């Protein structure tokens, strides 16, 4: 019997706690966690990134996710972001999105997106670029998710409250499937 594993994506602007909360949620639910491939990729870049780098990050994220899906024995997985991030960054920084990403967006949906709110304080990180554009990027995320007709919920709160709000959103989703 073929079992479809649900994908829950933790997404949002920079410095909204995506990596932290996705790991906490995976641990809480005892399910696999897909890390953000772009972070590993960008840590090793020695020049400004290009459209080809964005394509590479797309393929890396998808390959990482597919590898975890193949071995998962749970009903769902938690993904620390998705390749929608490639579209958002490509559009913003390079002025265009690789066609392979545009083609894949409607074909590789996630079952639930938790859009992390910008209510956390900014944390400096060498891989973060836009501390003054968080509201702008929050609107971009809403637009991209609506364009995909995505099932998503905004999750806010600080500390344990944020984690609790994410758990409530996931539990509500799981109770309907």
C-alpha atoms as a PDB file:
ATOM      1  CA  UNK A   1       0.000   0.000   0.000  1.00  0.00           C
ATOM      2  CA  UNK A   2       1.338   3.422  -0.983  1.00  0.00           C
ATOM      3  CA  UNK A   3       1.180   5.988   1.801  1.00  0.00           C
ATOM      4  CA  UNK A   4       1.214   9.704   1.033  1.00  0.00           C
ATOM      5  CA  UNK A   5       3.328  11.585   3.528  1.00  0.00           C
ATOM      6  CA  UNK A   6       2.064  15.081   4.253  1.00  0.00           C
ATOM      7  CA  UNK A   7       4.480  18.003   4.069  1.00  0.00           C
ATOM      8  CA  UNK A   8       4.291  20.856   6.558  1.00  0.00           C
ATOM      9  CA  UNK A   9       6.456  23.846   5.638  1.00  0.00           C
ATOM     10  CA  UNK A  10       7.722  26.498   8.030  1.00  0.00           C
ATOM     11  CA  UNK A  11       8.164  29.671   5.972  1.00  0.00           C
ATOM     12  CA  UNK A  12       8.491  33.417   6.299  1.00  0.00           C
ATOM     13  CA  UNK A  13      10.785  36.415   6.157  1.00  0.00           C
ATOM     14  CA  UNK A  14      14.303  36.433   7.555  1.00  0.00           C
ATOM     15  CA  UNK A  15      14.811  36.147  11.305  1.00  0.00           C
ATOM     16  CA  UNK A  16      11.382  34.817  12.183  1.00  0.00           C
ATOM     17  CA  UNK A  17      12.574  31.632  13.886  1.00  0.00           C
ATOM     18  CA  UNK A  18      11.907  29.171  11.063  1.00  0.00           C
ATOM     19  CA  UNK A  19      14.893  26.912  11.684  1.00  0.00           C
ATOM     20  CA  UNK A  20      14.445  26.884  15.443  1.00  0.00           C
ATOM     21  CA  UNK A  21      10.718  26.210  15.385  1.00  0.00           C
ATOM     22  CA  UNK A  22      10.904  23.612  12.611  1.00  0.00           C
ATOM     23  CA  UNK A  23      13.433  21.604  14.641  1.00  0.00           C
ATOM     24  CA  UNK A  24      11.350  21.945  17.817  1.00  0.00           C
ATOM     25  CA  UNK A  25       8.209  20.820  15.989  1.00  0.00           C
ATOM     26  CA  UNK A  26       9.945  17.818  14.423  1.00  0.00           C
ATOM     27  CA  UNK A  27      11.203  16.803  17.853  1.00  0.00           C
ATOM     28  CA  UNK A  28       7.782  17.373  19.465  1.00  0.00           C
ATOM     29  CA  UNK A  29       5.965  15.264  16.861  1.00  0.00           C
ATOM     30  CA  UNK A  30       8.860  12.800  16.444  1.00  0.00           C
ATOM     31  CA  UNK A  31       8.868  13.240  12.667  1.00  0.00           C
ATOM     32  CA  UNK A  32      11.650  13.899  10.161  1.00  0.00           C
ATOM     33  CA  UNK A  33      12.905  17.429   9.644  1.00  0.00           C
ATOM     34  CA  UNK A  34      14.133  18.819   6.325  1.00  0.00           C
ATOM     35  CA  UNK A  35      16.731  21.556   6.907  1.00  0.00           C
ATOM     36  CA  UNK A  36      17.087  24.634   4.727  1.00  0.00           C
ATOM     37  CA  UNK A  37      19.490  23.698   1.938  1.00  0.00           C
ATOM     38  CA  UNK A  38      20.160  27.328   0.938  1.00  0.00           C
ATOM     39  CA  UNK A  39      21.796  28.054   4.308  1.00  0.00           C
ATOM     40  CA  UNK A  40      24.414  25.344   3.745  1.00  0.00           C
ATOM     41  CA  UNK A  41      24.879  26.403   0.146  1.00  0.00           C
ATOM     42  CA  UNK A  42      25.300  30.119   0.894  1.00  0.00           C
ATOM     43  CA  UNK A  43      27.712  29.502   3.766  1.00  0.00           C
ATOM     44  CA  UNK A  44      30.154  28.173   1.176  1.00  0.00           C
ATOM     45  CA  UNK A  45      29.731  30.816  -1.517  1.00  0.00           C
ATOM     46  CA  UNK A  46      32.831  32.880  -2.219  1.00  0.00           C
ATOM     47  CA  UNK A  47      31.156  35.408  -4.554  1.00  0.00           C
ATOM     48  CA  UNK A  48      27.773  37.087  -4.920  1.00  0.00           C
ATOM     49  CA  UNK A  49      25.157  34.539  -5.820  1.00  0.00           C
ATOM     50  CA  UNK A  50      23.802  34.250  -9.314  1.00  0.00           C
ATOM     51  CA  UNK A  51      20.693  32.890 -10.992  1.00  0.00           C
ATOM     52  CA  UNK A  52      22.569  29.590 -11.398  1.00  0.00           C
ATOM     53  CA  UNK A  53      23.150  29.507  -7.645  1.00  0.00           C
ATOM     54  CA  UNK A  54      19.397  29.929  -7.167  1.00  0.00           C
ATOM     55  CA  UNK A  55      18.793  26.993  -9.534  1.00  0.00           C
ATOM     56  CA  UNK A  56      21.333  24.948  -7.564  1.00  0.00           C
ATOM     57  CA  UNK A  57      19.576  25.840  -4.291  1.00  0.00           C
ATOM     58  CA  UNK A  58      16.227  24.811  -5.785  1.00  0.00           C
ATOM     59  CA  UNK A  59      17.589  21.406  -6.831  1.00  0.00           C
ATOM     60  CA  UNK A  60      19.353  20.969  -3.496  1.00  0.00           C
ATOM     61  CA  UNK A  61      16.214  21.720  -1.464  1.00  0.00           C
ATOM     62  CA  UNK A  62      14.079  19.379  -3.553  1.00  0.00           C
ATOM     63  CA  UNK A  63      16.689  16.578  -3.418  1.00  0.00           C
ATOM     64  CA  UNK A  64      17.039  16.903   0.348  1.00  0.00           C
ATOM     65  CA  UNK A  65      13.285  16.820   0.824  1.00  0.00           C
ATOM     66  CA  UNK A  66      12.849  13.863  -1.551  1.00  0.00           C
ATOM     67  CA  UNK A  67      15.581  11.908   0.253  1.00  0.00           C
ATOM     68  CA  UNK A  68      13.833  12.408   3.578  1.00  0.00           C
ATOM     69  CA  UNK A  69      10.415  11.563   2.124  1.00  0.00           C
ATOM     70  CA  UNK A  70      11.751   8.256   0.772  1.00  0.00           C
ATOM     71  CA  UNK A  71      12.934   7.146   4.209  1.00  0.00           C
ATOM     72  CA  UNK A  72      10.206   8.705   6.375  1.00  0.00           C
ATOM     73  CA  UNK A  73       8.044   6.308   8.353  1.00  0.00           C
ATOM     74  CA  UNK A  74       5.764   9.032   9.713  1.00  0.00           C
ATOM     75  CA  UNK A  75       2.512  10.515   8.453  1.00  0.00           C
ATOM     76  CA  UNK A  76       4.146  13.890   7.842  1.00  0.00           C
ATOM     77  CA  UNK A  77       7.450  15.733   7.749  1.00  0.00           C
ATOM     78  CA  UNK A  78       8.447  19.241   8.814  1.00  0.00           C
ATOM     79  CA  UNK A  79      10.286  21.345   6.226  1.00  0.00           C
ATOM     80  CA  UNK A  80      12.425  24.314   7.247  1.00  0.00           C
ATOM     81  CA  UNK A  81      11.306  26.573   4.391  1.00  0.00           C
ATOM     82  CA  UNK A  82      10.608  25.564   0.779  1.00  0.00           C
ATOM     83  CA  UNK A  83      11.930  26.470  -2.618  1.00  0.00           C
ATOM     84  CA  UNK A  84       9.390  29.326  -2.748  1.00  0.00           C
ATOM     85  CA  UNK A  85      12.240  31.148  -1.017  1.00  0.00           C
ATOM     86  CA  UNK A  86      14.250  30.742  -4.238  1.00  0.00           C
ATOM     87  CA  UNK A  87      11.501  32.574  -6.121  1.00  0.00           C
ATOM     88  CA  UNK A  88      11.250  35.361  -3.573  1.00  0.00           C
ATOM     89  CA  UNK A  89      15.022  35.947  -3.386  1.00  0.00           C
ATOM     90  CA  UNK A  90      15.525  35.601  -7.123  1.00  0.00           C
ATOM     91  CA  UNK A  91      12.804  38.156  -7.831  1.00  0.00           C
ATOM     92  CA  UNK A  92      14.101  40.575  -5.203  1.00  0.00           C
ATOM     93  CA  UNK A  93      17.849  40.337  -5.699  1.00  0.00           C
ATOM     94  CA  UNK A  94      18.245  39.206  -9.314  1.00  0.00           C
ATOM     95  CA  UNK A  95      15.043  40.562 -10.849  1.00  0.00           C
ATOM     96  CA  UNK A  96      13.853  37.208 -12.225  1.00  0.00           C
ATOM     97  CA  UNK A  97      13.078  33.660 -11.200  1.00  0.00           C
ATOM     98  CA  UNK A  98      14.578  30.580 -12.851  1.00  0.00           C
ATOM     99  CA  UNK A  99      12.000  28.928 -15.115  1.00  0.00           C
ATOM    100  CA  UNK A 100      12.531  25.530 -13.464  1.00  0.00           C
ATOM    101  CA  UNK A 101      11.318  27.052 -10.176  1.00  0.00           C
ATOM    102  CA  UNK A 102       8.287  28.703 -11.770  1.00  0.00           C
ATOM    103  CA  UNK A 103       7.371  25.403 -13.442  1.00  0.00           C
ATOM    104  CA  UNK A 104       7.723  23.430 -10.191  1.00  0.00           C
ATOM    105  CA  UNK A 105       5.767  25.748  -7.865  1.00  0.00           C
ATOM    106  CA  UNK A 106       2.277  24.498  -8.793  1.00  0.00           C
ATOM    107  CA  UNK A 107       3.492  20.881  -9.135  1.00  0.00           C
ATOM    108  CA  UNK A 108       5.152  20.520  -5.725  1.00  0.00           C
ATOM    109  CA  UNK A 109       2.654  21.793  -3.169  1.00  0.00           C
ATOM    110  CA  UNK A 110       2.880  21.461   0.582  1.00  0.00           C
ATOM    111  CA  UNK A 111      -0.109  20.380   2.640  1.00  0.00           C
ATOM    112  CA  UNK A 112       0.248  23.126   5.247  1.00  0.00           C
ATOM    113  CA  UNK A 113       2.401  26.223   5.443  1.00  0.00           C
ATOM    114  CA  UNK A 114       3.059  27.927   8.757  1.00  0.00           C
ATOM    115  CA  UNK A 115       3.987  31.508   7.924  1.00  0.00           C
ATOM    116  CA  UNK A 116       6.110  32.842  10.773  1.00  0.00           C
ATOM    117  CA  UNK A 117       5.135  36.351  11.796  1.00  0.00           C
ATOM    118  CA  UNK A 118       7.647  39.190  12.037  1.00  0.00           C
ATOM    119  CA  UNK A 119       6.944  39.752  15.737  1.00  0.00           C
ATOM    120  CA  UNK A 120      10.340  38.347  16.815  1.00  0.00           C
ATOM    121  CA  UNK A 121      13.249  40.742  17.251  1.00  0.00           C
ATOM    122  CA  UNK A 122      15.767  40.796  14.398  1.00  0.00           C
ATOM    123  CA  UNK A 123      18.815  38.581  14.967  1.00  0.00           C
ATOM    124  CA  UNK A 124      21.930  39.494  13.009  1.00  0.00           C
ATOM    125  CA  UNK A 125      23.372  36.708  10.890  1.00  0.00           C
ATOM    126  CA  UNK A 126      25.915  36.976   8.051  1.00  0.00           C
ATOM    127  CA  UNK A 127      23.410  35.292   5.704  1.00  0.00           C
ATOM    128  CA  UNK A 128      20.593  37.760   6.414  1.00  0.00           C
ATOM    129  CA  UNK A 129      20.297  40.821   4.222  1.00  0.00           C
ATOM    130  CA  UNK A 130      17.168  42.873   4.822  1.00  0.00           C
ATOM    131  CA  UNK A 131      16.501  43.894   8.447  1.00  0.00           C
ATOM    132  CA  UNK A 132      14.498  46.929   7.294  1.00  0.00           C
ATOM    133  CA  UNK A 133      12.288  45.052   4.822  1.00  0.00           C
ATOM    134  CA  UNK A 134      10.564  42.510   7.059  1.00  0.00           C
ATOM    135  CA  UNK A 135       7.070  43.979   6.572  1.00  0.00           C
ATOM    136  CA  UNK A 136       7.618  44.072   2.830  1.00  0.00           C
ATOM    137  CA  UNK A 137       8.721  40.428   2.751  1.00  0.00           C
ATOM    138  CA  UNK A 138       5.800  39.399   4.962  1.00  0.00           C
ATOM    139  CA  UNK A 139       3.476  40.822   2.309  1.00  0.00           C
ATOM    140  CA  UNK A 140       5.452  39.039  -0.416  1.00  0.00           C
ATOM    141  CA  UNK A 141       4.991  35.736   1.441  1.00  0.00           C
ATOM    142  CA  UNK A 142       1.234  36.318   1.748  1.00  0.00           C
ATOM    143  CA  UNK A 143       1.057  37.093  -1.979  1.00  0.00           C
ATOM    144  CA  UNK A 144       3.079  34.029  -3.003  1.00  0.00           C
ATOM    145  CA  UNK A 145       1.044  31.684  -0.794  1.00  0.00           C
ATOM    146  CA  UNK A 146      -2.258  33.133  -2.019  1.00  0.00           C
ATOM    147  CA  UNK A 147      -1.072  32.788  -5.626  1.00  0.00           C
ATOM    148  CA  UNK A 148      -0.534  29.072  -4.965  1.00  0.00           C
ATOM    149  CA  UNK A 149      -3.916  28.827  -3.229  1.00  0.00           C
ATOM    150  CA  UNK A 150      -1.921  27.411  -0.333  1.00  0.00           C
ATOM    151  CA  UNK A 151      -3.334  26.205   2.956  1.00  0.00           C
ATOM    152  CA  UNK A 152      -1.481  28.462   5.383  1.00  0.00           C
ATOM    153  CA  UNK A 153      -1.688  29.927   8.845  1.00  0.00           C
ATOM    154  CA  UNK A 154       0.265  32.851  10.294  1.00  0.00           C
ATOM    155  CA  UNK A 155       2.005  31.900  13.530  1.00  0.00           C
ATOM    156  CA  UNK A 156       3.098  34.567  15.978  1.00  0.00           C
ATOM    157  CA  UNK A 157       4.084  34.862  19.603  1.00  0.00           C
ATOM    158  CA  UNK A 158       7.322  34.803  21.518  1.00  0.00           C
ATOM    159  CA  UNK A 159       9.098  31.740  22.892  1.00  0.00           C
ATOM    160  CA  UNK A 160       6.833  28.964  24.132  1.00  0.00           C
ATOM    161  CA  UNK A 161       3.757  30.868  22.950  1.00  0.00           C
ATOM    162  CA  UNK A 162       5.010  30.733  19.358  1.00  0.00           C
ATOM    163  CA  UNK A 163       5.725  27.012  19.590  1.00  0.00           C
ATOM    164  CA  UNK A 164       2.307  26.440  21.175  1.00  0.00           C
ATOM    165  CA  UNK A 165       0.593  28.391  18.398  1.00  0.00           C
ATOM    166  CA  UNK A 166       2.412  26.320  15.778  1.00  0.00           C
ATOM    167  CA  UNK A 167       1.408  23.087  17.524  1.00  0.00           C
ATOM    168  CA  UNK A 168      -2.232  24.232  17.633  1.00  0.00           C
ATOM    169  CA  UNK A 169      -2.145  24.980  13.902  1.00  0.00           C
ATOM    170  CA  UNK A 170      -0.619  21.577  13.086  1.00  0.00           C
ATOM    171  CA  UNK A 171      -2.998  19.720  15.402  1.00  0.00           C
ATOM    172  CA  UNK A 172      -5.949  21.466  13.780  1.00  0.00           C
ATOM    173  CA  UNK A 173      -4.657  20.488  10.329  1.00  0.00           C
ATOM    174  CA  UNK A 174      -4.018  16.876  11.376  1.00  0.00           C
ATOM    175  CA  UNK A 175      -7.508  16.558  12.869  1.00  0.00           C
ATOM    176  CA  UNK A 176      -8.991  17.319   9.440  1.00  0.00           C
ATOM    177  CA  UNK A 177      -7.034  14.769   7.411  1.00  0.00           C
END
